[in-house]
Amino acid sequence: MIYEALKDYFQAGGLDVEEHADQNWVATDGFGQHGSWLLVGQAYEDRDQAAVYSVLPERVPEERRAAVTELVSRINYGLILGNFEIDLSDGEVRFKVSADFGGAEPGEAQLKPLVATSLAQFDRWLPSLRDVIGGADPAGAFASVAA
């Protein structure tokens, strides 16, 4: 039910959708002013939940993971919806927005805010993430966007 709703919502946007029904996730291209990335919708059918992820295309090199973790912590502190995550073992960075549907079938009204928030927040912070990966100071990169 949730997987199909995510797939239908992504397809309604007119984008190519990569389906992974066996693992309950779909993917398409996410994009904004500052670039493009992978947008993933993950269904957790057994829990009546879903998550939408915007995933940074490149991995953070090991020597920059601590700095990116600091940036992500600074960003997350002020967020109301969603959060950034970094996998310290492989350097994957993503933004996650999730919802619990409580047994109700999700439709556009429930999925649109998840996708919109994921796209908007990821695009907003993408230049700062890339700056810090490239060697910039996390506090300065945060301040340049948060101001």
C-alpha atoms as a PDB file:
ATOM      1  CA  MET A   1       0.000   0.000   0.000  1.00  0.00           C
ATOM      2  CA  ILE A   2       2.703   2.553   0.981  1.00  0.00           C
ATOM      3  CA  TYR A   3       5.172   1.328  -1.639  1.00  0.00           C
ATOM      4  CA  GLU A   4       2.545   1.695  -4.373  1.00  0.00           C
ATOM      5  CA  ALA A   5       1.605   5.168  -3.114  1.00  0.00           C
ATOM      6  CA  LEU A   6       5.258   6.286  -3.224  1.00  0.00           C
ATOM      7  CA  LYS A   7       5.728   4.813  -6.706  1.00  0.00           C
ATOM      8  CA  ASP A   8       2.553   6.487  -7.990  1.00  0.00           C
ATOM      9  CA  TYR A   9       3.508   9.828  -6.458  1.00  0.00           C
ATOM     10  CA  PHE A  10       7.001   9.768  -7.974  1.00  0.00           C
ATOM     11  CA  GLN A  11       5.624   8.709 -11.380  1.00  0.00           C
ATOM     12  CA  ALA A  12       3.013  11.490 -11.297  1.00  0.00           C
ATOM     13  CA  GLY A  13       5.914  13.967 -11.330  1.00  0.00           C
ATOM     14  CA  GLY A  14       6.781  12.786 -14.837  1.00  0.00           C
ATOM     15  CA  LEU A  15      10.237  11.527 -13.864  1.00  0.00           C
ATOM     16  CA  ASP A  16      11.751   8.130 -14.518  1.00  0.00           C
ATOM     17  CA  VAL A  17      11.267   5.902 -11.502  1.00  0.00           C
ATOM     18  CA  GLU A  18      13.554   3.048 -10.530  1.00  0.00           C
ATOM     19  CA  GLU A  19      11.492   0.385  -8.790  1.00  0.00           C
ATOM     20  CA  HIS A  20      12.740  -1.992  -6.095  1.00  0.00           C
ATOM     21  CA  ALA A  21       9.513  -3.689  -5.028  1.00  0.00           C
ATOM     22  CA  ASP A  22      11.393  -6.562  -3.369  1.00  0.00           C
ATOM     23  CA  GLN A  23      13.012  -4.048  -0.984  1.00  0.00           C
ATOM     24  CA  ASN A  24      10.052  -1.614  -0.795  1.00  0.00           C
ATOM     25  CA  TRP A  25      11.786   1.450  -2.229  1.00  0.00           C
ATOM     26  CA  VAL A  26      11.603   3.594  -5.328  1.00  0.00           C
ATOM     27  CA  ALA A  27      14.084   6.152  -6.600  1.00  0.00           C
ATOM     28  CA  THR A  28      14.132   9.041  -9.015  1.00  0.00           C
ATOM     29  CA  ASP A  29      16.153  12.168  -9.688  1.00  0.00           C
ATOM     30  CA  GLY A  30      15.999  14.899  -7.087  1.00  0.00           C
ATOM     31  CA  PHE A  31      17.118  18.341  -8.142  1.00  0.00           C
ATOM     32  CA  GLY A  32      17.155  21.990  -7.182  1.00  0.00           C
ATOM     33  CA  GLN A  33      19.022  25.222  -7.827  1.00  0.00           C
ATOM     34  CA  HIS A  34      22.292  23.776  -6.574  1.00  0.00           C
ATOM     35  CA  GLY A  35      22.436  20.420  -8.335  1.00  0.00           C
ATOM     36  CA  SER A  36      20.894  17.002  -8.606  1.00  0.00           C
ATOM     37  CA  TRP A  37      20.890  13.902  -6.437  1.00  0.00           C
ATOM     38  CA  LEU A  38      19.086  10.637  -5.788  1.00  0.00           C
ATOM     39  CA  LEU A  39      15.602  10.888  -4.266  1.00  0.00           C
ATOM     40  CA  VAL A  40      14.439   7.686  -2.566  1.00  0.00           C
ATOM     41  CA  GLY A  41      11.046   6.739  -1.169  1.00  0.00           C
ATOM     42  CA  GLN A  42      11.258   3.855   1.325  1.00  0.00           C
ATOM     43  CA  ALA A  43       8.103   2.060   2.483  1.00  0.00           C
ATOM     44  CA  TYR A  44       8.052   0.348   5.871  1.00  0.00           C
ATOM     45  CA  GLU A  45       4.795  -1.525   5.333  1.00  0.00           C
ATOM     46  CA  ASP A  46       4.937  -3.529   8.566  1.00  0.00           C
ATOM     47  CA  ARG A  47       5.065  -0.288  10.574  1.00  0.00           C
ATOM     48  CA  ASP A  48       2.733   1.848   8.392  1.00  0.00           C
ATOM     49  CA  GLN A  49       5.622   4.272   7.884  1.00  0.00           C
ATOM     50  CA  ALA A  50       7.580   5.809   5.035  1.00  0.00           C
ATOM     51  CA  ALA A  51      10.730   7.860   4.654  1.00  0.00           C
ATOM     52  CA  VAL A  52      11.873  10.066   1.803  1.00  0.00           C
ATOM     53  CA  TYR A  53      15.625  10.498   1.421  1.00  0.00           C
ATOM     54  CA  SER A  54      17.681  12.943  -0.609  1.00  0.00           C
ATOM     55  CA  VAL A  55      21.090  11.301  -1.012  1.00  0.00           C
ATOM     56  CA  LEU A  56      24.344  13.105  -1.749  1.00  0.00           C
ATOM     57  CA  PRO A  57      25.805  11.576  -4.939  1.00  0.00           C
ATOM     58  CA  GLU A  58      29.392  11.575  -3.677  1.00  0.00           C
ATOM     59  CA  ARG A  59      30.737   9.968  -0.509  1.00  0.00           C
ATOM     60  CA  VAL A  60      32.504  12.056   2.100  1.00  0.00           C
ATOM     61  CA  PRO A  61      36.191  11.124   2.307  1.00  0.00           C
ATOM     62  CA  GLU A  62      37.155   9.663   5.666  1.00  0.00           C
ATOM     63  CA  GLU A  63      39.342  12.657   6.561  1.00  0.00           C
ATOM     64  CA  ARG A  64      36.361  15.069   6.145  1.00  0.00           C
ATOM     65  CA  ARG A  65      33.681  13.014   7.956  1.00  0.00           C
ATOM     66  CA  ALA A  66      34.224  14.675  11.336  1.00  0.00           C
ATOM     67  CA  ALA A  67      33.858  18.132   9.772  1.00  0.00           C
ATOM     68  CA  VAL A  68      30.710  17.122   7.867  1.00  0.00           C
ATOM     69  CA  THR A  69      29.321  15.573  11.069  1.00  0.00           C
ATOM     70  CA  GLU A  70      29.801  18.932  12.786  1.00  0.00           C
ATOM     71  CA  LEU A  71      27.986  20.716   9.950  1.00  0.00           C
ATOM     72  CA  VAL A  72      25.141  18.187  10.019  1.00  0.00           C
ATOM     73  CA  SER A  73      24.803  18.634  13.796  1.00  0.00           C
ATOM     74  CA  ARG A  74      24.631  22.409  13.417  1.00  0.00           C
ATOM     75  CA  ILE A  75      21.972  22.117  10.714  1.00  0.00           C
ATOM     76  CA  ASN A  76      19.874  19.496  12.545  1.00  0.00           C
ATOM     77  CA  TYR A  77      19.652  21.518  15.760  1.00  0.00           C
ATOM     78  CA  GLY A  78      17.302  24.045  14.198  1.00  0.00           C
ATOM     79  CA  LEU A  79      15.221  21.755  11.979  1.00  0.00           C
ATOM     80  CA  ILE A  80      11.608  21.009  12.765  1.00  0.00           C
ATOM     81  CA  LEU A  81      10.919  18.526   9.956  1.00  0.00           C
ATOM     82  CA  GLY A  82      13.506  15.994   8.891  1.00  0.00           C
ATOM     83  CA  ASN A  83      17.184  15.607   9.606  1.00  0.00           C
ATOM     84  CA  PHE A  84      20.529  15.055   7.945  1.00  0.00           C
ATOM     85  CA  GLU A  85      22.362  11.790   8.524  1.00  0.00           C
ATOM     86  CA  ILE A  86      25.914  10.707   7.809  1.00  0.00           C
ATOM     87  CA  ASP A  87      27.067   7.098   7.770  1.00  0.00           C
ATOM     88  CA  LEU A  88      30.481   7.299   9.372  1.00  0.00           C
ATOM     89  CA  SER A  89      31.493   3.912   7.957  1.00  0.00           C
ATOM     90  CA  ASP A  90      31.117   4.811   4.266  1.00  0.00           C
ATOM     91  CA  GLY A  91      30.571   8.588   4.128  1.00  0.00           C
ATOM     92  CA  GLU A  92      27.019   8.566   2.756  1.00  0.00           C
ATOM     93  CA  VAL A  93      25.086  11.764   3.552  1.00  0.00           C
ATOM     94  CA  ARG A  94      21.337  12.009   3.208  1.00  0.00           C
ATOM     95  CA  PHE A  95      18.375  14.064   4.351  1.00  0.00           C
ATOM     96  CA  LYS A  96      15.439  12.090   5.757  1.00  0.00           C
ATOM     97  CA  VAL A  97      11.809  13.065   6.253  1.00  0.00           C
ATOM     98  CA  SER A  98       9.461  10.396   7.583  1.00  0.00           C
ATOM     99  CA  ALA A  99       5.850   9.837   8.537  1.00  0.00           C
ATOM    100  CA  ASP A 100       3.674   7.313  10.313  1.00  0.00           C
ATOM    101  CA  PHE A 101       0.360   6.772   8.526  1.00  0.00           C
ATOM    102  CA  GLY A 102      -1.298   4.826  11.348  1.00  0.00           C
ATOM    103  CA  GLY A 103      -2.897   2.342   8.984  1.00  0.00           C
ATOM    104  CA  ALA A 104      -4.352   4.980   6.646  1.00  0.00           C
ATOM    105  CA  GLU A 105      -3.497   4.789   2.971  1.00  0.00           C
ATOM    106  CA  PRO A 106      -1.187   7.690   2.082  1.00  0.00           C
ATOM    107  CA  GLY A 107      -2.010   9.906  -0.853  1.00  0.00           C
ATOM    108  CA  GLU A 108      -0.701  13.103  -2.382  1.00  0.00           C
ATOM    109  CA  ALA A 109      -1.664  15.188   0.670  1.00  0.00           C
ATOM    110  CA  GLN A 110       0.550  13.048   2.911  1.00  0.00           C
ATOM    111  CA  LEU A 111       3.438  12.444   0.487  1.00  0.00           C
ATOM    112  CA  LYS A 112       3.828  15.915  -1.010  1.00  0.00           C
ATOM    113  CA  PRO A 113       5.158  17.533   2.211  1.00  0.00           C
ATOM    114  CA  LEU A 114       7.652  14.681   2.694  1.00  0.00           C
ATOM    115  CA  VAL A 115       9.069  15.053  -0.797  1.00  0.00           C
ATOM    116  CA  ALA A 116       8.941  18.855  -0.826  1.00  0.00           C
ATOM    117  CA  THR A 117      10.731  19.131   2.527  1.00  0.00           C
ATOM    118  CA  SER A 118      13.414  16.653   1.498  1.00  0.00           C
ATOM    119  CA  LEU A 119      14.084  18.472  -1.784  1.00  0.00           C
ATOM    120  CA  ALA A 120      14.030  21.975  -0.306  1.00  0.00           C
ATOM    121  CA  GLN A 121      16.252  21.284   2.703  1.00  0.00           C
ATOM    122  CA  PHE A 122      18.746  19.241   0.713  1.00  0.00           C
ATOM    123  CA  ASP A 123      19.029  21.916  -1.959  1.00  0.00           C
ATOM    124  CA  ARG A 124      19.369  24.654   0.658  1.00  0.00           C
ATOM    125  CA  TRP A 125      22.309  22.958   2.384  1.00  0.00           C
ATOM    126  CA  LEU A 126      23.961  21.243  -0.597  1.00  0.00           C
ATOM    127  CA  PRO A 127      26.519  24.029  -1.246  1.00  0.00           C
ATOM    128  CA  SER A 128      27.556  24.028   2.426  1.00  0.00           C
ATOM    129  CA  LEU A 129      27.942  20.253   2.443  1.00  0.00           C
ATOM    130  CA  ARG A 130      30.131  20.386  -0.642  1.00  0.00           C
ATOM    131  CA  ASP A 131      32.148  23.289   0.757  1.00  0.00           C
ATOM    132  CA  VAL A 132      32.912  21.371   3.946  1.00  0.00           C
ATOM    133  CA  ILE A 133      33.754  18.219   2.007  1.00  0.00           C
ATOM    134  CA  GLY A 134      36.177  20.395   0.053  1.00  0.00           C
ATOM    135  CA  GLY A 135      37.883  21.685   3.202  1.00  0.00           C
ATOM    136  CA  ALA A 136      35.797  24.634   4.437  1.00  0.00           C
ATOM    137  CA  ASP A 137      35.197  25.294   8.126  1.00  0.00           C
ATOM    138  CA  PRO A 138      31.837  23.769   9.240  1.00  0.00           C
ATOM    139  CA  ALA A 139      30.883  26.751  11.426  1.00  0.00           C
ATOM    140  CA  GLY A 140      31.507  29.210   8.607  1.00  0.00           C
ATOM    141  CA  ALA A 141      29.690  27.068   6.032  1.00  0.00           C
ATOM    142  CA  PHE A 142      26.711  26.833   8.379  1.00  0.00           C
ATOM    143  CA  ALA A 143      26.669  30.549   9.149  1.00  0.00           C
ATOM    144  CA  SER A 144      26.749  31.488   5.469  1.00  0.00           C
ATOM    145  CA  VAL A 145      23.373  29.758   4.925  1.00  0.00           C
ATOM    146  CA  ALA A 146      21.730  30.135   8.342  1.00  0.00           C
ATOM    147  CA  ALA A 147      22.128  33.927   8.395  1.00  0.00           C
END
